Amino acid sequence: MKLKALAAILVIALLFIPVTISPNVVKKSIKMENTENIIQNTEKSQTQYWALLVAVGVYAYNPDMDRPSMLRAIDDFYNTLLVSPFWNESHIKVIKGANATVANIMAGFSWLAKNANENDICLIYLTTHGFPIIFDLPPRDEADGMDEALAAYRGFLPLPNPFSWEPLANPFGIITDDEINFMLNRIHAKGIAMIVDSCHSGGFNDNWSYAKSYDFASELGKDLKGRNRVILTSVREDETSYGSFFSDGIIKGLQGYADSNKNGFVSAEEAFYYARDIILNNFGGMHPQIFDDYPGELALTSVEFPPSMPSIEGNETGKTNVSYTYKLVSYDPEGDRIKYEIEWGNEIEQTGFYNSGVA
């Protein structure tokens, strides 16, 4: 039987201490025959899944550029992957916040290249501020004459920018699309899915589609290896991405809501189209992009719908040194048992497992 964690427990309430409730699945088994076959085939081919998850979210010299939603999104992404039997903790590297320096991010790519082999599947998730550079760095491969860059932790200078509302970029604190493409070419995996959620992220498809890479001269010798990638970006190159809406849609899709063919698992392609429809139907000015050179569909997770957020009965505030009782109830779409977890300030408490719908 699958076991799930959600949020909340009997606790001693402290005056005005904030409560954080967030979904988190801790254990699971697969019921669906199709998914079992996929897992068995994966084991026979000795396929392993590897992920590099990067969220900057805070910026050393410009706190006005901080985006807490990026840090929340990477935690949700990590927890969603661990639900699936395709993934385990030792195969997922998370780099976030002040640790998301250029050196650490590049080391993360090297970690993928070192561990993944031609039988494996790799997932790369990057979320931060992105922007065009006003000139095209060698190799000169940009039709608009500008490269694109992602800001790392020290990606901005503490100086005003006369050309944009964003601060000036730190040339030693950014990663360009050419550098990312170089690192991708070092990863010799059976399949690579890359998700970029940032402003101007559409520019990060640069020649990753081999259909455009046949013109060898115009690409200045870019490596054509790896016609096995699915690149997902939150917006077109000339647009601006707002919030973490694209990430939220991808994550929800990977939980199972994007399983359009009902085969028990979610591919990168299915997750993209699920997230894209949410964006197009609810947010103007954003048009997510996909560049798919993987044969068939690239499976990333098995279906495991999360429980509902719990309803809570009890006082929201109280006095110190007084015990309060809270009644919690959540429902699981598949009738699985639920474990509740609640965060009080710096403390986290957990319950045992309860049947779905039982307070």
Foldseek 3Di string as FASTA:
>chain_A
DFEFAWADDFDFFAFPFDKDTGTFGDGGDDDFPLVVVVVVVLVVLVAAEAEEEEFAQAADQDRVQHFVLSVVLSVLLVRLLCHFPRDDDVRYHYAYYPRQFPVNVLVSLVVQLVPAAASYEYEYEYEAAKDWDCAQDPVRQDPVRTWMKGFTRHQADNAPDPPDRDGHGDPRGIDTLVNVLVSVVSRNYNAYEYEYEYFLQQRNCRCVQVVVCPVPVSVVNRDSPDLHYKYKYWAHNPFGGDRCLLSVQLSQVQQPPLPPVPSFFGFSVSSNVRSQVVCVVPPPGGGMDIRGRRPDTHTRGGHHHTKDRKDKDWDPGDHPPDGTGIDIAIAGPVFHWYKHWMDGNPDIDIDDTDTHGDD
